[in-house]
Amino acid sequence: MTSKTVSIDKPVSPVVYRDRAFISRVLVMPSGRTLAVSAHRVETSDAAAQAYLDKHPDLERLQE
């Protein structure tokens, strides 16, 4: 029997992004996960989602 190694990611601080193109929409990550934009904003504390949003051309990370 094989065992899988499970890694626990460190908690990531929530980050807010501003959508410069749309007031509301649903973004679909390559994994199929969805992120909802509402009132030009989307917030996430997930490292994979943050990496995806950082690369998106319509989104800008807001400073706290």
PDB file of N, CA and C in Angstrom:
ATOM      1  N   MET A   1       0.836  -1.168   0.000  1.00  0.00           N
ATOM      2  CA  MET A   1       0.000   0.000   0.000  1.00  0.00           C
ATOM      3  C   MET A   1       0.887   1.240   0.000  1.00  0.00           C
ATOM      4  N   THR A   2       0.565   2.197  -0.845  1.00  0.00           N
ATOM      5  CA  THR A   2       1.358   3.426  -0.901  1.00  0.00           C
ATOM      6  C   THR A   2       0.690   4.512  -0.075  1.00  0.00           C
ATOM      7  N   SER A   3       1.520   5.393   0.429  1.00  0.00           N
ATOM      8  CA  SER A   3       0.963   6.505   1.207  1.00  0.00           C
ATOM      9  C   SER A   3       1.249   7.811   0.477  1.00  0.00           C
ATOM     10  N   LYS A   4       0.320   8.717   0.574  1.00  0.00           N
ATOM     11  CA  LYS A   4       0.492  10.025  -0.039  1.00  0.00           C
ATOM     12  C   LYS A   4       0.980  10.996   1.015  1.00  0.00           C
ATOM     13  N   THR A   5       1.852  11.892   0.595  1.00  0.00           N
ATOM     14  CA  THR A   5       2.323  12.939   1.490  1.00  0.00           C
ATOM     15  C   THR A   5       1.406  14.140   1.318  1.00  0.00           C
ATOM     16  N   VAL A   6       0.848  14.574   2.421  1.00  0.00           N
ATOM     17  CA  VAL A   6      -0.042  15.726   2.383  1.00  0.00           C
ATOM     18  C   VAL A   6       0.699  16.909   2.978  1.00  0.00           C
ATOM     19  N   SER A   7       0.767  17.994   2.216  1.00  0.00           N
ATOM     20  CA  SER A   7       1.428  19.183   2.731  1.00  0.00           C
ATOM     21  C   SER A   7       0.369  20.179   3.170  1.00  0.00           C
ATOM     22  N   ILE A   8       0.615  20.781   4.300  1.00  0.00           N
ATOM     23  CA  ILE A   8      -0.295  21.792   4.813  1.00  0.00           C
ATOM     24  C   ILE A   8       0.346  23.142   4.552  1.00  0.00           C
ATOM     25  N   ASP A   9      -0.345  23.951   3.737  1.00  0.00           N
ATOM     26  CA  ASP A   9       0.174  25.280   3.410  1.00  0.00           C
ATOM     27  C   ASP A   9      -0.003  26.207   4.599  1.00  0.00           C
ATOM     28  N   LYS A  10       0.952  27.110   4.735  1.00  0.00           N
ATOM     29  CA  LYS A  10       0.836  28.121   5.774  1.00  0.00           C
ATOM     30  C   LYS A  10      -0.327  29.036   5.421  1.00  0.00           C
ATOM     31  N   PRO A  11      -1.033  29.529   6.422  1.00  0.00           N
ATOM     32  CA  PRO A  11      -2.127  30.465   6.114  1.00  0.00           C
ATOM     33  C   PRO A  11      -1.599  31.708   5.408  1.00  0.00           C
ATOM     34  N   VAL A  12      -2.356  32.189   4.462  1.00  0.00           N
ATOM     35  CA  VAL A  12      -1.989  33.373   3.694  1.00  0.00           C
ATOM     36  C   VAL A  12      -2.951  34.490   4.080  1.00  0.00           C
ATOM     37  N   SER A  13      -2.434  35.679   4.234  1.00  0.00           N
ATOM     38  CA  SER A  13      -3.288  36.820   4.569  1.00  0.00           C
ATOM     39  C   SER A  13      -4.241  37.105   3.415  1.00  0.00           C
ATOM     40  N   PRO A  14      -5.466  37.510   3.731  1.00  0.00           N
ATOM     41  CA  PRO A  14      -6.408  37.850   2.657  1.00  0.00           C
ATOM     42  C   PRO A  14      -5.903  39.020   1.828  1.00  0.00           C
ATOM     43  N   VAL A  15      -6.121  38.944   0.527  1.00  0.00           N
ATOM     44  CA  VAL A  15      -5.714  39.994  -0.395  1.00  0.00           C
ATOM     45  C   VAL A  15      -6.938  40.387  -1.223  1.00  0.00           C
ATOM     46  N   VAL A  16      -7.105  41.690  -1.440  1.00  0.00           N
ATOM     47  CA  VAL A  16      -8.206  42.209  -2.245  1.00  0.00           C
ATOM     48  C   VAL A  16      -7.647  42.685  -3.573  1.00  0.00           C
ATOM     49  N   TYR A  17      -8.351  42.339  -4.648  1.00  0.00           N
ATOM     50  CA  TYR A  17      -7.979  42.765  -5.995  1.00  0.00           C
ATOM     51  C   TYR A  17      -9.106  43.617  -6.570  1.00  0.00           C
ATOM     52  N   ARG A  18      -8.759  44.596  -7.369  1.00  0.00           N
ATOM     53  CA  ARG A  18      -9.729  45.434  -8.061  1.00  0.00           C
ATOM     54  C   ARG A  18      -9.766  45.006  -9.519  1.00  0.00           C
ATOM     55  N   ASP A  19     -10.965  44.745 -10.003  1.00  0.00           N
ATOM     56  CA  ASP A  19     -11.168  44.394 -11.408  1.00  0.00           C
ATOM     57  C   ASP A  19     -11.389  45.693 -12.171  1.00  0.00           C
ATOM     58  N   ARG A  20     -10.461  46.019 -13.047  1.00  0.00           N
ATOM     59  CA  ARG A  20     -10.532  47.275 -13.799  1.00  0.00           C
ATOM     60  C   ARG A  20     -11.451  47.180 -15.011  1.00  0.00           C
ATOM     61  N   ALA A  21     -11.887  45.983 -15.380  1.00  0.00           N
ATOM     62  CA  ALA A  21     -12.683  45.814 -16.593  1.00  0.00           C
ATOM     63  C   ALA A  21     -14.170  45.557 -16.331  1.00  0.00           C
ATOM     64  N   PHE A  22     -14.502  44.884 -15.232  1.00  0.00           N
ATOM     65  CA  PHE A  22     -15.885  44.484 -14.984  1.00  0.00           C
ATOM     66  C   PHE A  22     -16.315  44.812 -13.565  1.00  0.00           C
ATOM     67  N   ILE A  23     -17.605  45.128 -13.414  1.00  0.00           N
ATOM     68  CA  ILE A  23     -18.175  45.345 -12.080  1.00  0.00           C
ATOM     69  C   ILE A  23     -18.385  44.000 -11.395  1.00  0.00           C
ATOM     70  N   SER A  24     -18.909  43.039 -12.147  1.00  0.00           N
ATOM     71  CA  SER A  24     -19.094  41.694 -11.600  1.00  0.00           C
ATOM     72  C   SER A  24     -18.876  40.667 -12.703  1.00  0.00           C
ATOM     73  N   ARG A  25     -18.332  39.554 -12.315  1.00  0.00           N
ATOM     74  CA  ARG A  25     -18.117  38.419 -13.217  1.00  0.00           C
ATOM     75  C   ARG A  25     -17.611  37.250 -12.404  1.00  0.00           C
ATOM     76  N   VAL A  26     -17.504  36.096 -13.043  1.00  0.00           N
ATOM     77  CA  VAL A  26     -16.944  34.907 -12.409  1.00  0.00           C
ATOM     78  C   VAL A  26     -15.684  34.533 -13.168  1.00  0.00           C
ATOM     79  N   LEU A  27     -14.575  34.439 -12.446  1.00  0.00           N
ATOM     80  CA  LEU A  27     -13.305  34.016 -13.035  1.00  0.00           C
ATOM     81  C   LEU A  27     -13.149  32.521 -12.794  1.00  0.00           C
ATOM     82  N   VAL A  28     -12.722  31.797 -13.814  1.00  0.00           N
ATOM     83  CA  VAL A  28     -12.539  30.346 -13.701  1.00  0.00           C
ATOM     84  C   VAL A  28     -11.053  30.044 -13.799  1.00  0.00           C
ATOM     85  N   MET A  29     -10.513  29.492 -12.715  1.00  0.00           N
ATOM     86  CA  MET A  29      -9.097  29.123 -12.676  1.00  0.00           C
ATOM     87  C   MET A  29      -8.882  27.864 -13.514  1.00  0.00           C
ATOM     88  N   PRO A  30      -7.649  27.587 -13.946  1.00  0.00           N
ATOM     89  CA  PRO A  30      -7.369  26.384 -14.738  1.00  0.00           C
ATOM     90  C   PRO A  30      -7.819  25.089 -14.049  1.00  0.00           C
ATOM     91  N   SER A  31      -7.859  25.093 -12.730  1.00  0.00           N
ATOM     92  CA  SER A  31      -8.295  23.904 -11.988  1.00  0.00           C
ATOM     93  C   SER A  31      -9.813  23.733 -12.011  1.00  0.00           C
ATOM     94  N   GLY A  32     -10.521  24.763 -12.506  1.00  0.00           N
ATOM     95  CA  GLY A  32     -11.976  24.715 -12.532  1.00  0.00           C
ATOM     96  C   GLY A  32     -12.618  25.472 -11.380  1.00  0.00           C
ATOM     97  N   ARG A  33     -11.829  25.867 -10.440  1.00  0.00           N
ATOM     98  CA  ARG A  33     -12.330  26.641  -9.303  1.00  0.00           C
ATOM     99  C   ARG A  33     -12.777  28.017  -9.775  1.00  0.00           C
ATOM    100  N   THR A  34     -13.835  28.551  -9.176  1.00  0.00           N
ATOM    101  CA  THR A  34     -14.340  29.852  -9.575  1.00  0.00           C
ATOM    102  C   THR A  34     -14.108  30.896  -8.490  1.00  0.00           C
ATOM    103  N   LEU A  35     -13.918  32.139  -8.937  1.00  0.00           N
ATOM    104  CA  LEU A  35     -13.744  33.279  -8.045  1.00  0.00           C
ATOM    105  C   LEU A  35     -14.715  34.354  -8.504  1.00  0.00           C
ATOM    106  N   ALA A  36     -15.544  34.844  -7.592  1.00  0.00           N
ATOM    107  CA  ALA A  36     -16.566  35.822  -7.941  1.00  0.00           C
ATOM    108  C   ALA A  36     -16.064  37.244  -7.730  1.00  0.00           C
ATOM    109  N   VAL A  37     -16.248  38.072  -8.746  1.00  0.00           N
ATOM    110  CA  VAL A  37     -15.955  39.498  -8.657  1.00  0.00           C
ATOM    111  C   VAL A  37     -17.281  40.197  -8.399  1.00  0.00           C
ATOM    112  N   SER A  38     -17.302  41.057  -7.386  1.00  0.00           N
ATOM    113  CA  SER A  38     -18.502  41.824  -7.054  1.00  0.00           C
ATOM    114  C   SER A  38     -18.080  43.245  -6.703  1.00  0.00           C
ATOM    115  N   ALA A  39     -18.763  44.226  -7.266  1.00  0.00           N
ATOM    116  CA  ALA A  39     -18.445  45.637  -7.039  1.00  0.00           C
ATOM    117  C   ALA A  39     -16.976  45.928  -7.346  1.00  0.00           C
ATOM    118  N   HIS A  40     -16.499  45.363  -8.464  1.00  0.00           N
ATOM    119  CA  HIS A  40     -15.104  45.527  -8.932  1.00  0.00           C
ATOM    120  C   HIS A  40     -14.082  44.843  -8.031  1.00  0.00           C
ATOM    121  N   ARG A  41     -14.485  44.011  -7.075  1.00  0.00           N
ATOM    122  CA  ARG A  41     -13.532  43.440  -6.119  1.00  0.00           C
ATOM    123  C   ARG A  41     -13.657  41.923  -6.005  1.00  0.00           C
ATOM    124  N   VAL A  42     -12.533  41.308  -5.752  1.00  0.00           N
ATOM    125  CA  VAL A  42     -12.481  39.890  -5.414  1.00  0.00           C
ATOM    126  C   VAL A  42     -11.432  39.744  -4.318  1.00  0.00           C
ATOM    127  N   GLU A  43     -11.738  38.940  -3.317  1.00  0.00           N
ATOM    128  CA  GLU A  43     -10.827  38.751  -2.179  1.00  0.00           C
ATOM    129  C   GLU A  43     -10.567  37.265  -1.991  1.00  0.00           C
ATOM    130  N   THR A  44      -9.321  36.938  -1.668  1.00  0.00           N
ATOM    131  CA  THR A  44      -8.973  35.548  -1.412  1.00  0.00           C
ATOM    132  C   THR A  44      -7.823  35.456  -0.425  1.00  0.00           C
ATOM    133  N   SER A  45      -7.798  34.370   0.328  1.00  0.00           N
ATOM    134  CA  SER A  45      -6.677  34.108   1.231  1.00  0.00           C
ATOM    135  C   SER A  45      -5.973  32.814   0.823  1.00  0.00           C
ATOM    136  N   ASP A  46      -6.246  32.347  -0.384  1.00  0.00           N
ATOM    137  CA  ASP A  46      -5.670  31.120  -0.924  1.00  0.00           C
ATOM    138  C   ASP A  46      -4.475  31.467  -1.813  1.00  0.00           C
ATOM    139  N   ALA A  47      -3.339  30.841  -1.553  1.00  0.00           N
ATOM    140  CA  ALA A  47      -2.107  31.147  -2.297  1.00  0.00           C
ATOM    141  C   ALA A  47      -2.238  30.852  -3.788  1.00  0.00           C
ATOM    142  N   ALA A  48      -2.913  29.765  -4.155  1.00  0.00           N
ATOM    143  CA  ALA A  48      -3.069  29.423  -5.577  1.00  0.00           C
ATOM    144  C   ALA A  48      -3.945  30.456  -6.277  1.00  0.00           C
ATOM    145  N   ALA A  49      -5.015  30.880  -5.629  1.00  0.00           N
ATOM    146  CA  ALA A  49      -5.888  31.900  -6.213  1.00  0.00           C
ATOM    147  C   ALA A  49      -5.153  33.231  -6.335  1.00  0.00           C
ATOM    148  N   GLN A  50      -4.355  33.575  -5.339  1.00  0.00           N
ATOM    149  CA  GLN A  50      -3.591  34.818  -5.393  1.00  0.00           C
ATOM    150  C   GLN A  50      -2.604  34.793  -6.554  1.00  0.00           C
ATOM    151  N   ALA A  51      -1.950  33.678  -6.765  1.00  0.00           N
ATOM    152  CA  ALA A  51      -1.007  33.561  -7.881  1.00  0.00           C
ATOM    153  C   ALA A  51      -1.738  33.725  -9.214  1.00  0.00           C
ATOM    154  N   TYR A  52      -2.929  33.146  -9.327  1.00  0.00           N
ATOM    155  CA  TYR A  52      -3.729  33.282 -10.543  1.00  0.00           C
ATOM    156  C   TYR A  52      -4.144  34.739 -10.756  1.00  0.00           C
ATOM    157  N   LEU A  53      -4.634  35.379  -9.708  1.00  0.00           N
ATOM    158  CA  LEU A  53      -5.107  36.758  -9.817  1.00  0.00           C
ATOM    159  C   LEU A  53      -3.966  37.737 -10.067  1.00  0.00           C
ATOM    160  N   ASP A  54      -2.797  37.467  -9.512  1.00  0.00           N
ATOM    161  CA  ASP A  54      -1.630  38.331  -9.750  1.00  0.00           C
ATOM    162  C   ASP A  54      -1.259  38.373 -11.231  1.00  0.00           C
ATOM    163  N   LYS A  55      -1.502  37.290 -11.953  1.00  0.00           N
ATOM    164  CA  LYS A  55      -1.141  37.211 -13.372  1.00  0.00           C
ATOM    165  C   LYS A  55      -2.237  37.740 -14.297  1.00  0.00           C
ATOM    166  N   HIS A  56      -3.430  37.964 -13.761  1.00  0.00           N
ATOM    167  CA  HIS A  56      -4.558  38.378 -14.611  1.00  0.00           C
ATOM    168  C   HIS A  56      -4.384  39.839 -15.039  1.00  0.00           C
ATOM    169  N   PRO A  57      -4.488  40.125 -16.335  1.00  0.00           N
ATOM    170  CA  PRO A  57      -4.219  41.490 -16.819  1.00  0.00           C
ATOM    171  C   PRO A  57      -5.242  42.540 -16.390  1.00  0.00           C
ATOM    172  N   ASP A  58      -6.458  42.145 -16.054  1.00  0.00           N
ATOM    173  CA  ASP A  58      -7.501  43.103 -15.673  1.00  0.00           C
ATOM    174  C   ASP A  58      -7.532  43.402 -14.182  1.00  0.00           C
ATOM    175  N   LEU A  59      -6.736  42.703 -13.394  1.00  0.00           N
ATOM    176  CA  LEU A  59      -6.811  42.831 -11.947  1.00  0.00           C
ATOM    177  C   LEU A  59      -5.574  43.497 -11.369  1.00  0.00           C
ATOM    178  N   GLU A  60      -5.808  44.299 -10.336  1.00  0.00           N
ATOM    179  CA  GLU A  60      -4.694  44.900  -9.617  1.00  0.00           C
ATOM    180  C   GLU A  60      -4.851  44.614  -8.136  1.00  0.00           C
ATOM    181  N   ARG A  61      -3.748  44.253  -7.514  1.00  0.00           N
ATOM    182  CA  ARG A  61      -3.741  43.987  -6.079  1.00  0.00           C
ATOM    183  C   ARG A  61      -3.806  45.320  -5.338  1.00  0.00           C
ATOM    184  N   LEU A  62      -4.739  45.425  -4.393  1.00  0.00           N
ATOM    185  CA  LEU A  62      -4.875  46.642  -3.616  1.00  0.00           C
ATOM    186  C   LEU A  62      -4.031  46.569  -2.366  1.00  0.00           C
ATOM    187  N   GLN A  63      -3.443  47.686  -2.004  1.00  0.00           N
ATOM    188  CA  GLN A  63      -2.648  47.769  -0.774  1.00  0.00           C
ATOM    189  C   GLN A  63      -3.589  47.908   0.412  1.00  0.00           C
ATOM    190  N   GLU A  64      -3.203  47.333   1.515  1.00  0.00           N
ATOM    191  CA  GLU A  64      -4.039  47.401   2.716  1.00  0.00           C
ATOM    192  C   GLU A  64      -3.908  48.730   3.415  1.00  0.00           C
TER     193      GLU A  64
END
